[in-house]
Amino acid sequence: MSVIDLEKLDLPQLKALQHDIEKRISDYADRQRREAYEAANAAARQHGFSLSELVTTTKAGKVKAPVAPKYANPENPSQTWSGRGRQPKWLSEAIASGKTVEDFAIDKG
């Protein structure tokens, strides 16, 4: 490997050198990534799978249905809570005043 005296280069030469270095780094990373992919694919085939079968996530393509509300504000029935996540303010205030969560349960009858 030759030593380059950067002090002797002007700005266009430095920029050209920078471009060449970035290109070499990118090419090297691409080659490493390709080799890793080929090795992983070969290992997957040895076990009877394709690499895409092993790396796809189980949640891909699934849509979660919203959780049905379990509690409702009797003063404003449009204010509901499923029982998951943070309690709504109307419920926390009611609990602080002595009521229980079950006082607001929606009857499933």
PDB file of N, CA and C in Angstrom:
ATOM      1  N   MET A   1       0.843  -1.171   0.000  1.00  0.00           N
ATOM      2  CA  MET A   1       0.000   0.000   0.000  1.00  0.00           C
ATOM      3  C   MET A   1       0.893   1.241   0.000  1.00  0.00           C
ATOM      4  N   SER A   2       0.591   2.136  -0.897  1.00  0.00           N
ATOM      5  CA  SER A   2       1.411   3.340  -0.994  1.00  0.00           C
ATOM      6  C   SER A   2       0.899   4.413  -0.039  1.00  0.00           C
ATOM      7  N   VAL A   3       1.823   5.239   0.390  1.00  0.00           N
ATOM      8  CA  VAL A   3       1.494   6.317   1.305  1.00  0.00           C
ATOM      9  C   VAL A   3       1.241   7.566   0.471  1.00  0.00           C
ATOM     10  N   ILE A   4       0.127   8.229   0.748  1.00  0.00           N
ATOM     11  CA  ILE A   4      -0.221   9.444   0.020  1.00  0.00           C
ATOM     12  C   ILE A   4       0.011  10.625   0.946  1.00  0.00           C
ATOM     13  N   ASP A   5       0.748  11.597   0.460  1.00  0.00           N
ATOM     14  CA  ASP A   5       0.984  12.814   1.235  1.00  0.00           C
ATOM     15  C   ASP A   5      -0.196  13.745   0.985  1.00  0.00           C
ATOM     16  N   LEU A   6      -1.132  13.779   1.918  1.00  0.00           N
ATOM     17  CA  LEU A   6      -2.342  14.567   1.763  1.00  0.00           C
ATOM     18  C   LEU A   6      -2.055  16.066   1.708  1.00  0.00           C
ATOM     19  N   GLU A   7      -0.968  16.483   2.295  1.00  0.00           N
ATOM     20  CA  GLU A   7      -0.616  17.905   2.313  1.00  0.00           C
ATOM     21  C   GLU A   7      -0.317  18.430   0.912  1.00  0.00           C
ATOM     22  N   LYS A   8       0.077  17.562   0.014  1.00  0.00           N
ATOM     23  CA  LYS A   8       0.452  17.993  -1.340  1.00  0.00           C
ATOM     24  C   LYS A   8      -0.739  18.011  -2.294  1.00  0.00           C
ATOM     25  N   LEU A   9      -1.894  17.534  -1.853  1.00  0.00           N
ATOM     26  CA  LEU A   9      -3.054  17.471  -2.731  1.00  0.00           C
ATOM     27  C   LEU A   9      -3.890  18.740  -2.608  1.00  0.00           C
ATOM     28  N   ASP A  10      -4.441  19.180  -3.746  1.00  0.00           N
ATOM     29  CA  ASP A  10      -5.347  20.323  -3.700  1.00  0.00           C
ATOM     30  C   ASP A  10      -6.766  19.814  -3.438  1.00  0.00           C
ATOM     31  N   LEU A  11      -7.720  20.733  -3.309  1.00  0.00           N
ATOM     32  CA  LEU A  11      -9.088  20.371  -2.935  1.00  0.00           C
ATOM     33  C   LEU A  11      -9.732  19.386  -3.923  1.00  0.00           C
ATOM     34  N   PRO A  12      -9.669  19.621  -5.246  1.00  0.00           N
ATOM     35  CA  PRO A  12     -10.277  18.649  -6.161  1.00  0.00           C
ATOM     36  C   PRO A  12      -9.661  17.249  -6.040  1.00  0.00           C
ATOM     37  N   GLN A  13      -8.367  17.174  -5.823  1.00  0.00           N
ATOM     38  CA  GLN A  13      -7.714  15.880  -5.655  1.00  0.00           C
ATOM     39  C   GLN A  13      -8.157  15.208  -4.350  1.00  0.00           C
ATOM     40  N   LEU A  14      -8.288  15.996  -3.288  1.00  0.00           N
ATOM     41  CA  LEU A  14      -8.759  15.443  -2.014  1.00  0.00           C
ATOM     42  C   LEU A  14     -10.189  14.922  -2.132  1.00  0.00           C
ATOM     43  N   LYS A  15     -11.037  15.679  -2.830  1.00  0.00           N
ATOM     44  CA  LYS A  15     -12.424  15.242  -3.013  1.00  0.00           C
ATOM     45  C   LYS A  15     -12.491  13.976  -3.862  1.00  0.00           C
ATOM     46  N   ALA A  16     -11.652  13.876  -4.886  1.00  0.00           N
ATOM     47  CA  ALA A  16     -11.611  12.682  -5.725  1.00  0.00           C
ATOM     48  C   ALA A  16     -11.149  11.486  -4.901  1.00  0.00           C
ATOM     49  N   LEU A  17     -10.157  11.706  -4.052  1.00  0.00           N
ATOM     50  CA  LEU A  17      -9.673  10.649  -3.173  1.00  0.00           C
ATOM     51  C   LEU A  17     -10.755  10.229  -2.191  1.00  0.00           C
ATOM     52  N   GLN A  18     -11.479  11.201  -1.646  1.00  0.00           N
ATOM     53  CA  GLN A  18     -12.577  10.903  -0.722  1.00  0.00           C
ATOM     54  C   GLN A  18     -13.641  10.063  -1.430  1.00  0.00           C
ATOM     55  N   HIS A  19     -13.985  10.439  -2.650  1.00  0.00           N
ATOM     56  CA  HIS A  19     -14.982   9.697  -3.431  1.00  0.00           C
ATOM     57  C   HIS A  19     -14.520   8.263  -3.661  1.00  0.00           C
ATOM     58  N   ASP A  20     -13.253   8.099  -4.035  1.00  0.00           N
ATOM     59  CA  ASP A  20     -12.713   6.754  -4.286  1.00  0.00           C
ATOM     60  C   ASP A  20     -12.746   5.907  -3.021  1.00  0.00           C
ATOM     61  N   ILE A  21     -12.423   6.503  -1.888  1.00  0.00           N
ATOM     62  CA  ILE A  21     -12.426   5.764  -0.616  1.00  0.00           C
ATOM     63  C   ILE A  21     -13.838   5.344  -0.244  1.00  0.00           C
ATOM     64  N   GLU A  22     -14.793   6.281  -0.380  1.00  0.00           N
ATOM     65  CA  GLU A  22     -16.187   5.946  -0.069  1.00  0.00           C
ATOM     66  C   GLU A  22     -16.698   4.825  -0.966  1.00  0.00           C
ATOM     67  N   LYS A  23     -16.313   4.850  -2.234  1.00  0.00           N
ATOM     68  CA  LYS A  23     -16.725   3.805  -3.178  1.00  0.00           C
ATOM     69  C   LYS A  23     -16.126   2.456  -2.774  1.00  0.00           C
ATOM     70  N   ARG A  24     -14.869   2.441  -2.399  1.00  0.00           N
ATOM     71  CA  ARG A  24     -14.209   1.195  -1.981  1.00  0.00           C
ATOM     72  C   ARG A  24     -14.856   0.635  -0.710  1.00  0.00           C
ATOM     73  N   ILE A  25     -15.169   1.517   0.224  1.00  0.00           N
ATOM     74  CA  ILE A  25     -15.815   1.078   1.466  1.00  0.00           C
ATOM     75  C   ILE A  25     -17.188   0.488   1.163  1.00  0.00           C
ATOM     76  N   SER A  26     -17.940   1.154   0.310  1.00  0.00           N
ATOM     77  CA  SER A  26     -19.267   0.664  -0.073  1.00  0.00           C
ATOM     78  C   SER A  26     -19.167  -0.693  -0.778  1.00  0.00           C
ATOM     79  N   ASP A  27     -18.228  -0.819  -1.706  1.00  0.00           N
ATOM     80  CA  ASP A  27     -18.034  -2.091  -2.417  1.00  0.00           C
ATOM     81  C   ASP A  27     -17.660  -3.211  -1.448  1.00  0.00           C
ATOM     82  N   TYR A  28     -16.789  -2.890  -0.504  1.00  0.00           N
ATOM     83  CA  TYR A  28     -16.367  -3.881   0.476  1.00  0.00           C
ATOM     84  C   TYR A  28     -17.551  -4.335   1.329  1.00  0.00           C
ATOM     85  N   ALA A  29     -18.360  -3.378   1.812  1.00  0.00           N
ATOM     86  CA  ALA A  29     -19.523  -3.716   2.636  1.00  0.00           C
ATOM     87  C   ALA A  29     -20.519  -4.546   1.835  1.00  0.00           C
ATOM     88  N   ASP A  30     -20.731  -4.200   0.572  1.00  0.00           N
ATOM     89  CA  ASP A  30     -21.647  -4.973  -0.280  1.00  0.00           C
ATOM     90  C   ASP A  30     -21.149  -6.408  -0.456  1.00  0.00           C
ATOM     91  N   ARG A  31     -19.861  -6.558  -0.662  1.00  0.00           N
ATOM     92  CA  ARG A  31     -19.272  -7.892  -0.833  1.00  0.00           C
ATOM     93  C   ARG A  31     -19.426  -8.713   0.451  1.00  0.00           C
ATOM     94  N   GLN A  32     -19.170  -8.101   1.596  1.00  0.00           N
ATOM     95  CA  GLN A  32     -19.320  -8.793   2.877  1.00  0.00           C
ATOM     96  C   GLN A  32     -20.777  -9.207   3.105  1.00  0.00           C
ATOM     97  N   ARG A  33     -21.704  -8.310   2.793  1.00  0.00           N
ATOM     98  CA  ARG A  33     -23.129  -8.588   2.959  1.00  0.00           C
ATOM     99  C   ARG A  33     -23.554  -9.746   2.056  1.00  0.00           C
ATOM    100  N   ARG A  34     -23.081  -9.730   0.812  1.00  0.00           N
ATOM    101  CA  ARG A  34     -23.402 -10.797  -0.140  1.00  0.00           C
ATOM    102  C   ARG A  34     -22.849 -12.142   0.343  1.00  0.00           C
ATOM    103  N   GLU A  35     -21.613 -12.144   0.831  1.00  0.00           N
ATOM    104  CA  GLU A  35     -21.013 -13.382   1.338  1.00  0.00           C
ATOM    105  C   GLU A  35     -21.776 -13.903   2.554  1.00  0.00           C
ATOM    106  N   ALA A  36     -22.190 -13.010   3.437  1.00  0.00           N
ATOM    107  CA  ALA A  36     -22.956 -13.410   4.623  1.00  0.00           C
ATOM    108  C   ALA A  36     -24.305 -13.985   4.203  1.00  0.00           C
ATOM    109  N   TYR A  37     -24.940 -13.366   3.223  1.00  0.00           N
ATOM    110  CA  TYR A  37     -26.232 -13.856   2.734  1.00  0.00           C
ATOM    111  C   TYR A  37     -26.079 -15.252   2.133  1.00  0.00           C
ATOM    112  N   GLU A  38     -25.059 -15.435   1.320  1.00  0.00           N
ATOM    113  CA  GLU A  38     -24.839 -16.741   0.700  1.00  0.00           C
ATOM    114  C   GLU A  38     -24.560 -17.812   1.744  1.00  0.00           C
ATOM    115  N   ALA A  39     -23.787 -17.490   2.779  1.00  0.00           N
ATOM    116  CA  ALA A  39     -23.495 -18.447   3.846  1.00  0.00           C
ATOM    117  C   ALA A  39     -24.767 -18.780   4.624  1.00  0.00           C
ATOM    118  N   ALA A  40     -25.569 -17.782   4.933  1.00  0.00           N
ATOM    119  CA  ALA A  40     -26.818 -18.025   5.656  1.00  0.00           C
ATOM    120  C   ALA A  40     -27.793 -18.835   4.815  1.00  0.00           C
ATOM    121  N   ASN A  41     -27.854 -18.543   3.534  1.00  0.00           N
ATOM    122  CA  ASN A  41     -28.734 -19.283   2.631  1.00  0.00           C
ATOM    123  C   ASN A  41     -28.298 -20.750   2.539  1.00  0.00           C
ATOM    124  N   ALA A  42     -27.001 -20.989   2.464  1.00  0.00           N
ATOM    125  CA  ALA A  42     -26.491 -22.358   2.404  1.00  0.00           C
ATOM    126  C   ALA A  42     -26.823 -23.113   3.695  1.00  0.00           C
ATOM    127  N   ALA A  43     -26.680 -22.446   4.833  1.00  0.00           N
ATOM    128  CA  ALA A  43     -27.001 -23.085   6.112  1.00  0.00           C
ATOM    129  C   ALA A  43     -28.491 -23.410   6.192  1.00  0.00           C
ATOM    130  N   ALA A  44     -29.323 -22.517   5.720  1.00  0.00           N
ATOM    131  CA  ALA A  44     -30.774 -22.765   5.731  1.00  0.00           C
ATOM    132  C   ALA A  44     -31.113 -23.959   4.842  1.00  0.00           C
ATOM    133  N   ARG A  45     -30.498 -24.039   3.665  1.00  0.00           N
ATOM    134  CA  ARG A  45     -30.764 -25.166   2.746  1.00  0.00           C
ATOM    135  C   ARG A  45     -30.342 -26.498   3.357  1.00  0.00           C
ATOM    136  N   GLN A  46     -29.266 -26.495   4.139  1.00  0.00           N
ATOM    137  CA  GLN A  46     -28.821 -27.728   4.790  1.00  0.00           C
ATOM    138  C   GLN A  46     -29.872 -28.267   5.750  1.00  0.00           C
ATOM    139  N   HIS A  47     -30.698 -27.388   6.263  1.00  0.00           N
ATOM    140  CA  HIS A  47     -31.749 -27.780   7.205  1.00  0.00           C
ATOM    141  C   HIS A  47     -33.119 -27.898   6.541  1.00  0.00           C
ATOM    142  N   GLY A  48     -33.138 -27.774   5.221  1.00  0.00           N
ATOM    143  CA  GLY A  48     -34.379 -27.959   4.488  1.00  0.00           C
ATOM    144  C   GLY A  48     -35.274 -26.734   4.390  1.00  0.00           C
ATOM    145  N   PHE A  49     -34.718 -25.563   4.590  1.00  0.00           N
ATOM    146  CA  PHE A  49     -35.488 -24.328   4.509  1.00  0.00           C
ATOM    147  C   PHE A  49     -34.870 -23.388   3.494  1.00  0.00           C
ATOM    148  N   SER A  50     -35.654 -22.422   3.079  1.00  0.00           N
ATOM    149  CA  SER A  50     -35.072 -21.310   2.332  1.00  0.00           C
ATOM    150  C   SER A  50     -34.817 -20.208   3.347  1.00  0.00           C
ATOM    151  N   LEU A  51     -33.908 -19.340   3.033  1.00  0.00           N
ATOM    152  CA  LEU A  51     -33.588 -18.254   3.958  1.00  0.00           C
ATOM    153  C   LEU A  51     -34.806 -17.368   4.184  1.00  0.00           C
ATOM    154  N   SER A  52     -35.608 -17.150   3.157  1.00  0.00           N
ATOM    155  CA  SER A  52     -36.782 -16.290   3.322  1.00  0.00           C
ATOM    156  C   SER A  52     -37.803 -16.910   4.272  1.00  0.00           C
ATOM    157  N   GLU A  53     -37.863 -18.234   4.340  1.00  0.00           N
ATOM    158  CA  GLU A  53     -38.775 -18.884   5.294  1.00  0.00           C
ATOM    159  C   GLU A  53     -38.342 -18.623   6.733  1.00  0.00           C
ATOM    160  N   LEU A  54     -37.062 -18.478   6.945  1.00  0.00           N
ATOM    161  CA  LEU A  54     -36.547 -18.316   8.303  1.00  0.00           C
ATOM    162  C   LEU A  54     -36.543 -16.868   8.767  1.00  0.00           C
ATOM    163  N   VAL A  55     -36.491 -15.931   7.860  1.00  0.00           N
ATOM    164  CA  VAL A  55     -36.370 -14.541   8.292  1.00  0.00           C
ATOM    165  C   VAL A  55     -37.671 -13.758   8.222  1.00  0.00           C
ATOM    166  N   THR A  56     -38.727 -14.331   7.686  1.00  0.00           N
ATOM    167  CA  THR A  56     -39.997 -13.605   7.675  1.00  0.00           C
ATOM    168  C   THR A  56     -40.563 -13.601   9.083  1.00  0.00           C
ATOM    169  N   THR A  57     -41.142 -12.497   9.460  1.00  0.00           N
ATOM    170  CA  THR A  57     -41.700 -12.384  10.805  1.00  0.00           C
ATOM    171  C   THR A  57     -43.099 -12.959  10.820  1.00  0.00           C
ATOM    172  N   THR A  58     -43.496 -13.487  11.942  1.00  0.00           N
ATOM    173  CA  THR A  58     -44.816 -14.089  12.059  1.00  0.00           C
ATOM    174  C   THR A  58     -45.912 -13.041  12.105  1.00  0.00           C
ATOM    175  N   LYS A  59     -45.572 -11.817  12.470  1.00  0.00           N
ATOM    176  CA  LYS A  59     -46.580 -10.778  12.578  1.00  0.00           C
ATOM    177  C   LYS A  59     -46.841 -10.084  11.239  1.00  0.00           C
ATOM    178  N   ALA A  60     -46.004 -10.340  10.248  1.00  0.00           N
ATOM    179  CA  ALA A  60     -46.157  -9.660   8.961  1.00  0.00           C
ATOM    180  C   ALA A  60     -47.504  -9.989   8.337  1.00  0.00           C
ATOM    181  N   GLY A  61     -48.186  -8.978   7.930  1.00  0.00           N
ATOM    182  CA  GLY A  61     -49.450  -9.172   7.239  1.00  0.00           C
ATOM    183  C   GLY A  61     -50.649  -9.366   8.148  1.00  0.00           C
ATOM    184  N   LYS A  62     -50.427  -9.519   9.432  1.00  0.00           N
ATOM    185  CA  LYS A  62     -51.546  -9.701  10.347  1.00  0.00           C
ATOM    186  C   LYS A  62     -52.037  -8.344  10.821  1.00  0.00           C
ATOM    187  N   VAL A  63     -53.334  -8.205  10.880  1.00  0.00           N
ATOM    188  CA  VAL A  63     -53.922  -6.965  11.369  1.00  0.00           C
ATOM    189  C   VAL A  63     -54.585  -7.257  12.699  1.00  0.00           C
ATOM    190  N   LYS A  64     -54.229  -6.492  13.695  1.00  0.00           N
ATOM    191  CA  LYS A  64     -54.825  -6.687  15.015  1.00  0.00           C
ATOM    192  C   LYS A  64     -56.185  -6.013  15.050  1.00  0.00           C
ATOM    193  N   ALA A  65     -57.156  -6.759  15.503  1.00  0.00           N
ATOM    194  CA  ALA A  65     -58.494  -6.186  15.671  1.00  0.00           C
ATOM    195  C   ALA A  65     -58.510  -5.366  16.946  1.00  0.00           C
ATOM    196  N   PRO A  66     -59.234  -4.281  16.969  1.00  0.00           N
ATOM    197  CA  PRO A  66     -59.298  -3.495  18.196  1.00  0.00           C
ATOM    198  C   PRO A  66     -59.967  -4.300  19.312  1.00  0.00           C
ATOM    199  N   VAL A  67     -59.510  -4.061  20.525  1.00  0.00           N
ATOM    200  CA  VAL A  67     -60.050  -4.758  21.684  1.00  0.00           C
ATOM    201  C   VAL A  67     -61.384  -4.106  22.064  1.00  0.00           C
ATOM    202  N   ALA A  68     -62.363  -4.937  22.339  1.00  0.00           N
ATOM    203  CA  ALA A  68     -63.689  -4.427  22.716  1.00  0.00           C
ATOM    204  C   ALA A  68     -63.614  -3.713  24.055  1.00  0.00           C
ATOM    205  N   PRO A  69     -64.355  -2.631  24.209  1.00  0.00           N
ATOM    206  CA  PRO A  69     -64.335  -1.919  25.486  1.00  0.00           C
ATOM    207  C   PRO A  69     -64.981  -2.740  26.599  1.00  0.00           C
ATOM    208  N   LYS A  70     -64.416  -2.645  27.791  1.00  0.00           N
ATOM    209  CA  LYS A  70     -64.959  -3.357  28.954  1.00  0.00           C
ATOM    210  C   LYS A  70     -65.600  -2.398  29.947  1.00  0.00           C
ATOM    211  N   TYR A  71     -65.235  -1.125  29.854  1.00  0.00           N
ATOM    212  CA  TYR A  71     -65.719  -0.140  30.810  1.00  0.00           C
ATOM    213  C   TYR A  71     -66.202   1.093  30.058  1.00  0.00           C
ATOM    214  N   ALA A  72     -67.256   1.709  30.586  1.00  0.00           N
ATOM    215  CA  ALA A  72     -67.799   2.919  29.963  1.00  0.00           C
ATOM    216  C   ALA A  72     -68.147   3.943  31.030  1.00  0.00           C
ATOM    217  N   ASN A  73     -68.055   5.202  30.660  1.00  0.00           N
ATOM    218  CA  ASN A  73     -68.412   6.302  31.540  1.00  0.00           C
ATOM    219  C   ASN A  73     -69.931   6.476  31.464  1.00  0.00           C
ATOM    220  N   PRO A  74     -70.654   6.277  32.556  1.00  0.00           N
ATOM    221  CA  PRO A  74     -72.111   6.405  32.506  1.00  0.00           C
ATOM    222  C   PRO A  74     -72.577   7.822  32.164  1.00  0.00           C
ATOM    223  N   GLU A  75     -71.763   8.821  32.457  1.00  0.00           N
ATOM    224  CA  GLU A  75     -72.118  10.193  32.139  1.00  0.00           C
ATOM    225  C   GLU A  75     -71.906  10.520  30.665  1.00  0.00           C
ATOM    226  N   ASN A  76     -71.013   9.774  30.016  1.00  0.00           N
ATOM    227  CA  ASN A  76     -70.747   9.961  28.589  1.00  0.00           C
ATOM    228  C   ASN A  76     -70.388   8.595  28.009  1.00  0.00           C
ATOM    229  N   PRO A  77     -71.378   7.821  27.546  1.00  0.00           N
ATOM    230  CA  PRO A  77     -71.143   6.456  27.081  1.00  0.00           C
ATOM    231  C   PRO A  77     -70.165   6.335  25.914  1.00  0.00           C
ATOM    232  N   SER A  78     -69.861   7.452  25.252  1.00  0.00           N
ATOM    233  CA  SER A  78     -68.873   7.372  24.162  1.00  0.00           C
ATOM    234  C   SER A  78     -67.452   7.250  24.718  1.00  0.00           C
ATOM    235  N   GLN A  79     -67.274   7.539  26.004  1.00  0.00           N
ATOM    236  CA  GLN A  79     -65.965   7.385  26.643  1.00  0.00           C
ATOM    237  C   GLN A  79     -65.872   5.968  27.192  1.00  0.00           C
ATOM    238  N   THR A  80     -65.018   5.169  26.538  1.00  0.00           N
ATOM    239  CA  THR A  80     -64.862   3.770  26.951  1.00  0.00           C
ATOM    240  C   THR A  80     -63.394   3.461  27.189  1.00  0.00           C
ATOM    241  N   TRP A  81     -63.173   2.297  27.791  1.00  0.00           N
ATOM    242  CA  TRP A  81     -61.812   1.811  28.036  1.00  0.00           C
ATOM    243  C   TRP A  81     -61.825   0.303  27.932  1.00  0.00           C
ATOM    244  N   SER A  82     -60.806  -0.258  27.290  1.00  0.00           N
ATOM    245  CA  SER A  82     -60.734  -1.709  27.089  1.00  0.00           C
ATOM    246  C   SER A  82     -60.153  -2.434  28.296  1.00  0.00           C
ATOM    247  N   GLY A  83     -59.573  -1.698  29.216  1.00  0.00           N
ATOM    248  CA  GLY A  83     -58.913  -2.334  30.351  1.00  0.00           C
ATOM    249  C   GLY A  83     -57.428  -2.511  30.108  1.00  0.00           C
ATOM    250  N   ARG A  84     -56.972  -2.102  28.935  1.00  0.00           N
ATOM    251  CA  ARG A  84     -55.550  -2.196  28.591  1.00  0.00           C
ATOM    252  C   ARG A  84     -54.968  -0.804  28.495  1.00  0.00           C
ATOM    253  N   GLY A  85     -53.704  -0.702  28.843  1.00  0.00           N
ATOM    254  CA  GLY A  85     -53.037   0.591  28.738  1.00  0.00           C
ATOM    255  C   GLY A  85     -53.408   1.508  29.895  1.00  0.00           C
ATOM    256  N   ARG A  86     -53.116   2.744  29.683  1.00  0.00           N
ATOM    257  CA  ARG A  86     -53.327   3.753  30.725  1.00  0.00           C
ATOM    258  C   ARG A  86     -54.817   4.005  30.943  1.00  0.00           C
ATOM    259  N   GLN A  87     -55.196   4.125  32.229  1.00  0.00           N
ATOM    260  CA  GLN A  87     -56.590   4.409  32.556  1.00  0.00           C
ATOM    261  C   GLN A  87     -56.949   5.802  32.072  1.00  0.00           C
ATOM    262  N   PRO A  88     -58.140   5.952  31.504  1.00  0.00           N
ATOM    263  CA  PRO A  88     -58.555   7.294  31.102  1.00  0.00           C
ATOM    264  C   PRO A  88     -58.787   8.182  32.328  1.00  0.00           C
ATOM    265  N   LYS A  89     -58.684   9.471  32.093  1.00  0.00           N
ATOM    266  CA  LYS A  89     -58.799  10.434  33.195  1.00  0.00           C
ATOM    267  C   LYS A  89     -60.146  10.323  33.904  1.00  0.00           C
ATOM    268  N   TRP A  90     -61.223  10.145  33.153  1.00  0.00           N
ATOM    269  CA  TRP A  90     -62.546  10.070  33.780  1.00  0.00           C
ATOM    270  C   TRP A  90     -62.635   8.897  34.743  1.00  0.00           C
ATOM    271  N   LEU A  91     -61.962   7.792  34.432  1.00  0.00           N
ATOM    272  CA  LEU A  91     -61.989   6.617  35.298  1.00  0.00           C
ATOM    273  C   LEU A  91     -61.093   6.817  36.515  1.00  0.00           C
ATOM    274  N   SER A  92     -59.906   7.370  36.304  1.00  0.00           N
ATOM    275  CA  SER A  92     -59.012   7.603  37.451  1.00  0.00           C
ATOM    276  C   SER A  92     -59.641   8.555  38.452  1.00  0.00           C
ATOM    277  N   GLU A  93     -60.312   9.588  37.943  1.00  0.00           N
ATOM    278  CA  GLU A  93     -60.962  10.545  38.851  1.00  0.00           C
ATOM    279  C   GLU A  93     -62.098   9.870  39.625  1.00  0.00           C
ATOM    280  N   ALA A  94     -62.853   8.992  38.961  1.00  0.00           N
ATOM    281  CA  ALA A  94     -63.949   8.293  39.629  1.00  0.00           C
ATOM    282  C   ALA A  94     -63.417   7.350  40.711  1.00  0.00           C
ATOM    283  N   ILE A  95     -62.309   6.674  40.417  1.00  0.00           N
ATOM    284  CA  ILE A  95     -61.705   5.764  41.393  1.00  0.00           C
ATOM    285  C   ILE A  95     -61.181   6.565  42.588  1.00  0.00           C
ATOM    286  N   ALA A  96     -60.599   7.724  42.311  1.00  0.00           N
ATOM    287  CA  ALA A  96     -60.093   8.578  43.391  1.00  0.00           C
ATOM    288  C   ALA A  96     -61.224   9.068  44.292  1.00  0.00           C
ATOM    289  N   SER A  97     -62.429   9.158  43.742  1.00  0.00           N
ATOM    290  CA  SER A  97     -63.560   9.614  44.552  1.00  0.00           C
ATOM    291  C   SER A  97     -64.272   8.457  45.259  1.00  0.00           C
ATOM    292  N   GLY A  98     -63.714   7.243  45.177  1.00  0.00           N
ATOM    293  CA  GLY A  98     -64.250   6.131  45.948  1.00  0.00           C
ATOM    294  C   GLY A  98     -64.944   5.034  45.155  1.00  0.00           C
ATOM    295  N   LYS A  99     -65.085   5.183  43.860  1.00  0.00           N
ATOM    296  CA  LYS A  99     -65.729   4.132  43.067  1.00  0.00           C
ATOM    297  C   LYS A  99     -64.705   3.068  42.701  1.00  0.00           C
ATOM    298  N   THR A 100     -65.183   1.929  42.209  1.00  0.00           N
ATOM    299  CA  THR A 100     -64.290   0.862  41.757  1.00  0.00           C
ATOM    300  C   THR A 100     -64.384   0.743  40.248  1.00  0.00           C
ATOM    301  N   VAL A 101     -63.407   0.109  39.665  1.00  0.00           N
ATOM    302  CA  VAL A 101     -63.396  -0.099  38.216  1.00  0.00           C
ATOM    303  C   VAL A 101     -64.634  -0.888  37.797  1.00  0.00           C
ATOM    304  N   GLU A 102     -65.005  -1.855  38.598  1.00  0.00           N
ATOM    305  CA  GLU A 102     -66.160  -2.692  38.258  1.00  0.00           C
ATOM    306  C   GLU A 102     -67.476  -1.919  38.217  1.00  0.00           C
ATOM    307  N   ASP A 103     -67.527  -0.759  38.863  1.00  0.00           N
ATOM    308  CA  ASP A 103     -68.723   0.085  38.791  1.00  0.00           C
ATOM    309  C   ASP A 103     -68.977   0.574  37.364  1.00  0.00           C
ATOM    310  N   PHE A 104     -67.954   0.537  36.532  1.00  0.00           N
ATOM    311  CA  PHE A 104     -68.051   1.040  35.176  1.00  0.00           C
ATOM    312  C   PHE A 104     -68.042  -0.062  34.116  1.00  0.00           C
ATOM    313  N   ALA A 105     -68.124  -1.313  34.582  1.00  0.00           N
ATOM    314  CA  ALA A 105     -68.093  -2.442  33.648  1.00  0.00           C
ATOM    315  C   ALA A 105     -69.307  -2.418  32.723  1.00  0.00           C
ATOM    316  N   ILE A 106     -69.056  -2.746  31.471  1.00  0.00           N
ATOM    317  CA  ILE A 106     -70.141  -2.847  30.494  1.00  0.00           C
ATOM    318  C   ILE A 106     -70.702  -4.241  30.609  1.00  0.00           C
ATOM    319  N   ASP A 107     -72.007  -4.340  30.857  1.00  0.00           N
ATOM    320  CA  ASP A 107     -72.643  -5.654  31.002  1.00  0.00           C
ATOM    321  C   ASP A 107     -72.636  -6.373  29.665  1.00  0.00           C
ATOM    322  N   LYS A 108     -72.164  -7.611  29.679  1.00  0.00           N
ATOM    323  CA  LYS A 108     -72.146  -8.429  28.463  1.00  0.00           C
ATOM    324  C   LYS A 108     -73.362  -9.343  28.449  1.00  0.00           C
ATOM    325  N   GLY A 109     -74.221  -9.207  29.392  1.00  0.00           N
ATOM    326  CA  GLY A 109     -75.471  -9.788  29.575  1.00  0.00           C
ATOM    327  C   GLY A 109     -75.895 -11.061  29.243  1.00  0.00           C
TER     328      GLY A 109
END
